[in-house]
Amino acid sequence: MSGWFVNIDWRDLGQATLDTLAMLGGSLLLTLLLGLPLGVLLFLTGRRQLLANRAANALLAAIVNLLRSVPFVILLIVMIPLTVLLVGTSLGVAGAIPPLVVGAAPFFARLVETALREVDRNTVEAVQAMGATTRQIVFRALLPEATPGIIAAATVTAAALVSFTAMAGVVGAGGLGDLAIRFGYQRFQTDVMVVTVAALLLLVQLLQTAGDRLVLHFTRR
């Protein structure tokens, strides 16, 4: 194997993998925490919903669509001043997390909104008829019924974040993407590029498999 991959420093590869996992874990957690309530608000303020409000829904939709429309590489660069203000640096794992969250949270919110729209309206009306408040309807009817869809949305978002972490290597964020750019692309080391791409593909496959199993588990329930 060493004859095939002569340019690879396996310790650097291991560290880059850990950096990617750290970026993925931190950004995914914050994305779920921000994107879930945003998606719920998008749904609730929509037409004929519990908190229907055309102005609020239009504002939320405009913000989400604006952030989703910006290519992630551009977002990385544009957010550098804000990233430095928030975490003190635009480099490394810490510097990558703010733009990762800003890029992924609107995407996840839209998926959550879609999952909530698929909940049987009769279920919501039945809970509402029993005198439940909006909060109770959300936590006891909407979210439990939409759990498989939300888990599937989180899985898709996690896979997207893996590709985002790779692109973050453009601005020195570290991780597998940075390794692929600095050595695989800039130094024309094909073996480094092949291994880093394989590692990213494996990570996405593991995330997708875990997500699919969770969806199946909660669907059966």
Foldseek 3Di string as FASTA:
>chain_A
DCVVQVPDDVVLQVVLAVQLVLLLVLQLVLLCVQQQVLLVVLQQCDPPHVNPDVVVNVVSVVLLVVLQPDPLLVLLVVCQVVLCVVQVGCAASSNLRVSLSSNLNSQLSNQNNVLLVPFPVVQLVVCVVVVDDPVCSVVVPRCLRSVLSSLVSSLVSSLVSLVSCLSSLVVHHGHLNVQCCVPCPPVVSVSSVVVSVVVSVVVSVVSNVVSVVVSVVSVVD
